Amino acid sequence: MPNEAAGATAAPPDPAAEIRMATLHATRGANFWSTRPVTRLDLAVGAYEDISSADVPGFTDRLVQAMPGLIEHRCSIGERGGFIRRLRRGTYAPHIIEHVALELQTMIGHDVGFGRTRGGDQPGEYTLVFEHVHESVGLRAAALALDTVQRAFAGTLDGVDAAISELESLSRLPDVPAATQQVLCGITGGGDRAGARAEILRRGCNVDQDDLLVDVSPSFLLHAGLPYHRSSLGIVLDADLSDVPDRYRERERAERLVSTLADGVVRGGVLIVPAKAWEIQDYARDARCRVAVFSTRDDVSRRDKKVARAVAWVDGGRIVVDGEEGPVDVGPLRDGAASPAAQVAAALAVFTLEELEPQRVTRAASDRPASDDA
């Protein structure tokens, strides 16, 4: 097992040149990592991909002397002192920066504890996130944590008093206002989001402002979080994403990303999801949403129907929605219009909205049962 006494004695490479900030921003509202606002820092670590805290003599002692509160960080070990044990065994710069950023905020009295560090798209690249109470403090804490860890690796860290003074000063400034916008429906996924929005309007959804139906690209969700606070409905068209880095296109992460929409749906609201997208359905229910399910074929499974408050599918070129009162024909699929998935999801959204907020809907004559108009 590596330890500081047995670690390398040669001077490590210059950490200020090797450990570099690639991007830094605050993510507001619910996001991929948390329902709370977080600060995101992307790093490139160069030679420090293979240099741990245990490889640099005195690293842990210098860091703990400057920040004794790190003893309270439980880390993955799950008990007081867990993070310091990780330091002595050997852990790496991105993980250390995450903890230091949290502790800097704790030292000025902010109650924060959530953080995550994950690998990036290329070897030596990392993404770390941590929660903040005050956005400007969070952003500056990221940069100051990077500087603190660089100095600890270089052997020049002699305290963090200047960093604490700066963060205390920032904390006294007005914070960015929290998101409070209420919208009718957010739409995400890699499919025809604009088509779904247009189809909802065509089907008679009455809105007062254009932004009540919000097209939320997966890329925006990843980098900025939900652009609103709460919605009555959410639509996830699919988890087949193309506008995000490769690692977020992997099925598990892609489903988690689009499921962020559920975090903004009001309790008792509805998230509309594709049939057989069971991970997204489970996340929605965990977020206390009701679920409605759609398919572009007549293949909605018993499992889907068991959990959904309403389902929609296509039968003989017509869209059928099955709610509390049984199946209803709500009109044909239209050639040359939105994609089939967008049309069926939109039809289900309007059907659901008629039940939740009937004053919002004036159904188009062409979509009433028994009409064959296209």
Protein backbone atom coordinates (compact mmCIF):
# COMPACT_ATOMS: atom_id res chain seq x y z
CA MET A 1 0.00 0.00 0.00
CA PRO A 2 1.53 3.40 -0.91
CA ASN A 3 2.30 5.89 1.84
CA GLU A 4 4.04 9.18 2.12
CA ALA A 5 7.12 7.77 3.82
CA ALA A 6 7.69 5.35 0.96
CA GLY A 7 6.70 7.79 -1.79
CA ALA A 8 8.89 9.29 -4.45
CA THR A 9 11.56 11.73 -3.26
CA ALA A 10 12.19 13.50 -6.56
CA ALA A 11 10.55 16.90 -6.98
CA PRO A 12 7.21 16.51 -8.77
CA PRO A 13 6.51 18.35 -12.04
CA ASP A 14 5.32 21.93 -11.71
CA PRO A 15 1.66 21.53 -10.63
CA ALA A 16 0.71 25.02 -11.81
CA ALA A 17 1.74 24.04 -15.35
CA GLU A 18 0.29 20.51 -15.27
CA ILE A 19 -3.03 20.88 -13.39
CA ARG A 20 -5.02 23.32 -15.50
CA MET A 21 -8.56 24.65 -15.47
CA ALA A 22 -10.33 23.97 -18.77
CA THR A 23 -13.81 25.34 -18.05
CA LEU A 24 -15.63 26.75 -15.04
CA HIS A 25 -19.27 27.64 -14.66
CA ALA A 26 -22.22 27.55 -12.30
CA THR A 27 -25.16 25.29 -13.04
CA ARG A 28 -28.44 26.69 -11.75
CA GLY A 29 -31.58 24.78 -10.95
CA ALA A 30 -31.93 21.00 -11.16
CA ASN A 31 -29.10 19.46 -13.17
CA PHE A 32 -27.44 16.19 -14.17
CA TRP A 33 -25.66 15.88 -10.84
CA SER A 34 -28.05 17.31 -8.27
CA THR A 35 -31.39 18.99 -7.67
CA ARG A 36 -29.37 21.82 -6.12
CA PRO A 37 -27.19 24.41 -7.88
CA VAL A 38 -23.61 23.27 -8.37
CA THR A 39 -20.30 24.67 -9.56
CA ARG A 40 -18.66 22.68 -12.36
CA LEU A 41 -14.92 22.66 -12.99
CA ASP A 42 -13.30 20.77 -15.87
CA LEU A 43 -9.62 19.97 -15.39
CA ALA A 44 -6.67 18.65 -17.35
CA VAL A 45 -4.08 17.16 -14.98
CA GLY A 46 -1.14 16.34 -17.25
CA ALA A 47 1.59 14.44 -15.40
CA TYR A 48 -0.57 14.41 -12.27
CA GLU A 49 -2.70 11.69 -13.84
CA ASP A 50 -0.16 9.33 -12.23
CA ILE A 51 0.93 11.33 -9.18
CA SER A 52 -1.15 10.89 -6.02
CA SER A 53 -1.12 12.62 -2.67
CA ALA A 54 0.89 9.69 -1.27
CA ASP A 55 3.64 10.18 -3.87
CA VAL A 56 4.60 13.66 -2.62
CA PRO A 57 6.21 13.73 0.85
CA GLY A 58 4.46 16.06 3.28
CA PHE A 59 1.48 16.74 1.01
CA THR A 60 -1.21 15.54 3.41
CA ASP A 61 0.37 17.21 6.45
CA ARG A 62 0.61 20.55 4.65
CA LEU A 63 -2.98 20.41 3.47
CA VAL A 64 -4.46 19.34 6.81
CA GLN A 65 -2.43 21.93 8.71
CA ALA A 66 -3.86 24.63 6.45
CA MET A 67 -7.40 23.20 6.56
CA PRO A 68 -7.92 21.16 9.75
CA GLY A 69 -11.65 20.94 9.05
CA LEU A 70 -10.89 18.29 6.42
CA ILE A 71 -10.95 15.81 9.33
CA GLU A 72 -14.76 16.06 9.15
CA HIS A 73 -14.91 14.89 5.54
CA ARG A 74 -16.13 11.30 5.59
CA CYS A 75 -15.57 10.64 1.86
CA SER A 76 -16.30 7.16 0.50
CA ILE A 77 -14.97 5.54 3.69
CA GLY A 78 -18.07 6.86 5.44
CA GLU A 79 -16.61 7.97 8.75
CA ARG A 80 -14.93 11.01 10.27
CA GLY A 81 -11.39 11.27 8.97
CA GLY A 82 -12.21 9.21 5.91
CA PHE A 83 -10.89 11.75 3.42
CA ILE A 84 -7.58 12.13 5.29
CA ARG A 85 -7.15 8.37 5.19
CA ARG A 86 -7.72 8.56 1.44
CA LEU A 87 -5.05 11.26 1.21
CA ARG A 88 -2.49 9.19 3.07
CA ARG A 89 -3.24 6.09 1.00
CA GLY A 90 -3.08 8.12 -2.20
CA THR A 91 -5.78 10.01 -4.04
CA TYR A 92 -5.54 12.36 -6.98
CA ALA A 93 -5.73 16.07 -7.72
CA PRO A 94 -9.32 16.36 -9.04
CA HIS A 95 -10.79 14.52 -6.03
CA ILE A 96 -8.69 16.61 -3.65
CA ILE A 97 -9.74 19.87 -5.32
CA GLU A 98 -13.41 18.87 -4.90
CA HIS A 99 -12.97 18.45 -1.14
CA VAL A 100 -10.91 21.60 -0.75
CA ALA A 101 -13.55 23.66 -2.61
CA LEU A 102 -16.21 22.36 -0.23
CA GLU A 103 -14.06 22.99 2.85
CA LEU A 104 -13.23 26.56 1.81
CA GLN A 105 -16.95 27.28 1.73
CA THR A 106 -17.48 25.50 5.05
CA MET A 107 -14.79 27.68 6.60
CA ILE A 108 -16.88 30.79 5.87
CA GLY A 109 -19.98 29.22 7.38
CA HIS A 110 -21.71 27.84 4.29
CA ASP A 111 -23.43 24.49 4.78
CA VAL A 112 -22.28 22.43 1.78
CA GLY A 113 -21.33 18.80 1.42
CA PHE A 114 -22.25 17.41 -1.99
CA GLY A 115 -19.51 16.85 -4.55
CA ARG A 116 -18.61 14.45 -7.36
CA THR A 117 -15.51 13.85 -9.48
CA ARG A 118 -15.69 11.92 -12.73
CA GLY A 119 -13.40 11.18 -15.66
CA GLY A 120 -13.65 13.27 -18.82
CA ASP A 121 -13.68 12.37 -22.49
CA GLN A 122 -9.91 11.88 -22.73
CA PRO A 123 -7.28 10.43 -20.37
CA GLY A 124 -6.10 13.12 -17.99
CA GLU A 125 -9.37 15.09 -18.20
CA TYR A 126 -11.82 15.31 -15.29
CA THR A 127 -15.09 16.96 -14.41
CA LEU A 128 -15.75 17.82 -10.80
CA VAL A 129 -18.87 19.40 -9.35
CA PHE A 130 -19.73 20.64 -5.89
CA GLU A 131 -22.67 22.45 -4.38
CA HIS A 132 -22.64 26.10 -3.45
CA VAL A 133 -24.85 28.39 -1.39
CA HIS A 134 -23.73 31.57 -3.15
CA GLU A 135 -22.88 31.37 -6.85
CA SER A 136 -19.96 33.83 -6.84
CA VAL A 137 -18.48 32.10 -3.79
CA GLY A 138 -18.78 28.72 -5.49
CA LEU A 139 -17.06 29.88 -8.66
CA ARG A 140 -14.24 31.54 -6.77
CA ALA A 141 -13.89 28.58 -4.39
CA ALA A 142 -13.18 26.37 -7.41
CA ALA A 143 -10.29 28.56 -8.54
CA LEU A 144 -8.94 28.97 -5.00
CA ALA A 145 -9.16 25.23 -4.38
CA LEU A 146 -7.16 24.61 -7.55
CA ASP A 147 -4.51 27.08 -6.38
CA THR A 148 -4.42 25.56 -2.88
CA VAL A 149 -3.86 22.04 -4.19
CA GLN A 150 -1.25 23.20 -6.69
CA ARG A 151 0.68 24.84 -3.84
CA ALA A 152 0.30 21.76 -1.63
CA PHE A 153 1.84 19.59 -4.38
CA ALA A 154 4.59 22.17 -4.92
CA GLY A 155 5.40 22.28 -1.18
CA THR A 156 4.64 26.00 -0.87
CA LEU A 157 1.27 25.94 0.89
CA ASP A 158 1.44 27.91 4.12
CA GLY A 159 -2.24 28.60 4.78
CA VAL A 160 -5.54 29.64 3.24
CA ASP A 161 -6.24 32.84 5.18
CA ALA A 162 -6.19 35.03 2.06
CA ALA A 163 -8.62 32.71 0.30
CA ILE A 164 -11.00 32.75 3.26
CA SER A 165 -10.91 36.55 3.45
CA GLU A 166 -11.75 36.79 -0.25
CA LEU A 167 -14.64 34.32 -0.02
CA GLU A 168 -16.06 36.06 3.05
CA SER A 169 -16.03 39.33 1.14
CA LEU A 170 -17.80 37.75 -1.83
CA SER A 171 -20.39 36.17 0.43
CA ARG A 172 -21.50 39.62 1.58
CA LEU A 173 -22.39 40.66 -1.97
CA PRO A 174 -25.87 39.98 -3.38
CA ASP A 175 -26.23 36.49 -4.79
CA VAL A 176 -27.67 35.67 -8.21
CA PRO A 177 -31.45 35.33 -7.72
CA ALA A 178 -32.74 31.77 -7.65
CA ALA A 179 -34.75 30.58 -10.64
CA THR A 180 -38.46 31.14 -10.01
CA GLN A 181 -39.96 30.87 -13.49
CA GLN A 182 -43.04 28.67 -13.81
CA VAL A 183 -43.68 27.16 -17.25
CA LEU A 184 -46.32 24.93 -18.70
CA CYS A 185 -44.14 22.25 -20.27
CA GLY A 186 -40.48 21.49 -20.86
CA ILE A 187 -39.46 19.26 -23.79
CA THR A 188 -36.14 17.44 -24.07
CA GLY A 189 -34.47 14.53 -25.86
CA GLY A 190 -32.50 14.14 -29.06
CA GLY A 191 -35.58 14.00 -31.28
CA ASP A 192 -37.96 16.55 -32.80
CA ARG A 193 -38.41 18.90 -29.84
CA ALA A 194 -39.48 21.83 -32.02
CA GLY A 195 -42.02 19.60 -33.75
CA ALA A 196 -43.50 18.51 -30.43
CA ARG A 197 -43.81 22.12 -29.33
CA ALA A 198 -45.50 23.13 -32.60
CA GLU A 199 -47.85 20.16 -32.40
CA ILE A 200 -48.94 21.04 -28.86
CA LEU A 201 -49.83 24.53 -30.03
CA ARG A 202 -51.60 23.20 -33.12
CA ARG A 203 -53.72 20.93 -30.97
CA GLY A 204 -55.19 23.88 -29.15
CA CYS A 205 -52.95 24.54 -26.18
CA ASN A 206 -53.58 28.14 -25.11
CA VAL A 207 -50.46 29.93 -23.93
CA ASP A 208 -49.97 33.52 -22.90
CA GLN A 209 -46.27 33.71 -23.77
CA ASP A 210 -44.06 31.76 -26.14
CA ASP A 211 -41.73 30.67 -23.35
CA LEU A 212 -44.43 28.65 -21.59
CA LEU A 213 -43.49 25.69 -23.79
CA VAL A 214 -39.72 25.37 -23.42
CA ASP A 215 -37.45 23.44 -25.79
CA VAL A 216 -34.61 22.25 -23.53
CA SER A 217 -31.69 20.78 -25.47
CA PRO A 218 -29.76 18.01 -23.67
CA SER A 219 -26.62 20.10 -24.11
CA PHE A 220 -28.22 22.98 -22.22
CA LEU A 221 -29.39 20.60 -19.49
CA LEU A 222 -25.86 19.28 -19.11
CA HIS A 223 -24.08 22.60 -18.98
CA ALA A 224 -26.63 24.86 -17.30
CA GLY A 225 -29.38 22.75 -15.74
CA LEU A 226 -33.10 23.40 -16.03
CA PRO A 227 -33.82 26.91 -17.40
CA TYR A 228 -36.93 27.20 -15.23
CA HIS A 229 -38.01 26.28 -11.71
CA ARG A 230 -41.25 24.33 -12.10
CA SER A 231 -43.52 23.00 -14.85
CA SER A 232 -46.89 21.26 -14.98
CA LEU A 233 -45.68 18.80 -17.62
CA GLY A 234 -42.46 17.47 -19.02
CA ILE A 235 -41.85 15.53 -22.23
CA VAL A 236 -38.85 13.26 -22.78
CA LEU A 237 -38.90 12.29 -26.45
CA ASP A 238 -35.97 9.87 -26.20
CA ALA A 239 -32.47 9.40 -24.79
CA ASP A 240 -30.74 9.22 -28.19
CA LEU A 241 -28.53 12.27 -27.82
CA SER A 242 -26.13 13.87 -30.28
CA ASP A 243 -25.35 17.31 -28.82
CA VAL A 244 -23.42 16.19 -25.73
CA PRO A 245 -19.93 14.70 -25.25
CA ASP A 246 -19.57 10.99 -25.99
CA ARG A 247 -19.62 9.83 -22.38
CA TYR A 248 -23.06 11.39 -21.87
CA ARG A 249 -24.45 9.56 -24.91
CA GLU A 250 -23.99 6.23 -23.15
CA ARG A 251 -27.44 4.89 -22.31
CA GLU A 252 -27.29 5.13 -18.52
CA ARG A 253 -25.94 8.68 -18.48
CA ALA A 254 -28.19 9.83 -21.32
CA GLU A 255 -31.27 8.55 -19.50
CA ARG A 256 -30.14 10.24 -16.29
CA LEU A 257 -29.56 13.50 -18.14
CA VAL A 258 -32.99 13.70 -19.79
CA SER A 259 -34.60 12.59 -16.52
CA THR A 260 -33.52 15.92 -15.05
CA LEU A 261 -36.78 17.27 -16.47
CA ALA A 262 -38.64 15.32 -13.77
CA ASP A 263 -36.94 17.35 -11.04
CA GLY A 264 -38.77 20.44 -12.25
CA VAL A 265 -42.26 18.93 -12.56
CA VAL A 266 -44.63 19.99 -9.78
CA ARG A 267 -45.82 17.32 -7.41
CA GLY A 268 -48.80 15.69 -9.07
CA GLY A 269 -47.61 16.86 -12.49
CA VAL A 270 -46.84 14.44 -15.31
CA LEU A 271 -43.69 13.41 -17.11
CA ILE A 272 -44.36 11.96 -20.58
CA VAL A 273 -41.80 9.32 -21.56
CA PRO A 274 -41.34 6.68 -24.27
CA ALA A 275 -42.65 3.18 -23.76
CA LYS A 276 -40.08 0.76 -22.31
CA ALA A 277 -37.91 3.65 -21.02
CA TRP A 278 -38.21 2.12 -17.58
CA GLU A 279 -35.18 3.80 -16.00
CA ILE A 280 -36.61 7.22 -16.87
CA GLN A 281 -40.03 6.16 -15.59
CA ASP A 282 -38.50 5.02 -12.29
CA TYR A 283 -36.61 8.28 -11.90
CA ALA A 284 -39.80 10.26 -12.55
CA ARG A 285 -41.69 8.37 -9.88
CA ASP A 286 -38.80 8.85 -7.44
CA ALA A 287 -39.13 12.58 -8.16
CA ARG A 288 -42.84 12.29 -7.25
CA CYS A 289 -44.13 12.77 -10.77
CA ARG A 290 -46.92 10.85 -12.36
CA VAL A 291 -45.97 9.12 -15.60
CA ALA A 292 -47.62 8.96 -19.02
CA VAL A 293 -46.20 6.70 -21.74
CA PHE A 294 -46.23 6.92 -25.54
CA SER A 295 -45.20 4.78 -28.49
CA THR A 296 -45.32 5.23 -32.25
CA ARG A 297 -46.53 1.63 -32.58
CA ASP A 298 -49.14 -0.53 -30.92
CA ASP A 299 -46.57 -2.10 -28.59
CA VAL A 300 -47.10 -0.51 -25.16
CA SER A 301 -46.20 -3.25 -22.68
CA ARG A 302 -48.14 -4.41 -19.65
CA ARG A 303 -45.35 -3.03 -17.49
CA ASP A 304 -45.78 0.41 -19.07
CA LYS A 305 -49.54 0.32 -18.62
CA LYS A 306 -49.24 -0.77 -15.01
CA VAL A 307 -47.38 2.36 -13.93
CA ALA A 308 -48.73 4.99 -16.36
CA ARG A 309 -51.71 7.24 -15.69
CA ALA A 310 -52.27 7.41 -19.47
CA VAL A 311 -50.73 5.80 -22.53
CA ALA A 312 -50.74 6.72 -26.22
CA TRP A 313 -49.92 4.68 -29.29
CA VAL A 314 -50.54 4.52 -33.03
CA ASP A 315 -53.11 2.12 -34.48
CA GLY A 316 -53.83 2.12 -38.20
CA GLY A 317 -52.24 5.53 -38.68
CA ARG A 318 -54.31 7.12 -35.89
CA ILE A 319 -53.24 8.21 -32.43
CA VAL A 320 -55.05 6.52 -29.57
CA VAL A 321 -54.84 7.73 -25.97
CA ASP A 322 -55.99 5.51 -23.13
CA GLY A 323 -56.76 7.33 -19.90
CA GLU A 324 -59.08 6.81 -16.96
CA GLU A 325 -62.17 6.54 -19.18
CA GLY A 326 -60.75 4.16 -21.76
CA PRO A 327 -59.19 4.54 -25.23
CA VAL A 328 -59.93 7.66 -27.27
CA ASP A 329 -59.02 8.33 -30.91
CA VAL A 330 -57.43 11.79 -30.95
CA GLY A 331 -56.70 12.08 -34.66
CA PRO A 332 -54.42 10.85 -37.42
CA LEU A 333 -50.67 10.95 -37.76
CA ARG A 334 -50.06 13.71 -40.28
CA ASP A 335 -47.63 13.21 -43.14
CA GLY A 336 -45.01 15.90 -43.57
CA ALA A 337 -45.60 17.32 -40.10
CA ALA A 338 -43.60 16.70 -36.94
CA SER A 339 -41.95 13.33 -36.42
CA PRO A 340 -44.27 10.51 -35.35
CA ALA A 341 -42.79 10.49 -31.84
CA ALA A 342 -43.29 14.24 -31.52
CA GLN A 343 -46.90 13.97 -32.72
CA VAL A 344 -47.84 11.15 -30.35
CA ALA A 345 -46.09 12.72 -27.36
CA ALA A 346 -47.76 16.07 -28.09
CA ALA A 347 -51.18 14.44 -28.40
CA LEU A 348 -50.65 12.77 -25.03
CA ALA A 349 -49.48 16.06 -23.52
CA VAL A 350 -52.61 17.91 -24.66
CA PHE A 351 -54.83 15.04 -23.51
CA THR A 352 -53.13 15.18 -20.09
CA LEU A 353 -53.35 18.95 -19.96
CA GLU A 354 -57.10 18.83 -20.59
CA GLU A 355 -57.38 16.87 -17.36
CA LEU A 356 -54.93 18.98 -15.33
CA GLU A 357 -55.77 22.47 -16.60
CA PRO A 358 -58.78 22.24 -18.98
CA GLN A 359 -58.90 26.00 -19.49
CA ARG A 360 -55.57 25.69 -21.30
CA VAL A 361 -56.92 23.62 -24.19
CA THR A 362 -59.22 24.37 -27.10
CA ARG A 363 -58.96 21.14 -29.05
CA ALA A 364 -58.52 21.48 -32.80
CA ALA A 365 -61.53 20.18 -34.72
CA SER A 366 -59.32 17.94 -36.81
CA ASP A 367 -58.20 16.07 -33.69
CA ARG A 368 -61.64 15.26 -32.33
CA PRO A 369 -62.72 11.62 -32.44
CA ALA A 370 -64.59 10.51 -35.55
CA SER A 371 -62.91 13.12 -37.74
CA ASP A 372 -60.66 11.98 -40.57
CA ASP A 373 -59.33 15.43 -41.47
CA ALA A 374 -55.56 15.65 -41.70
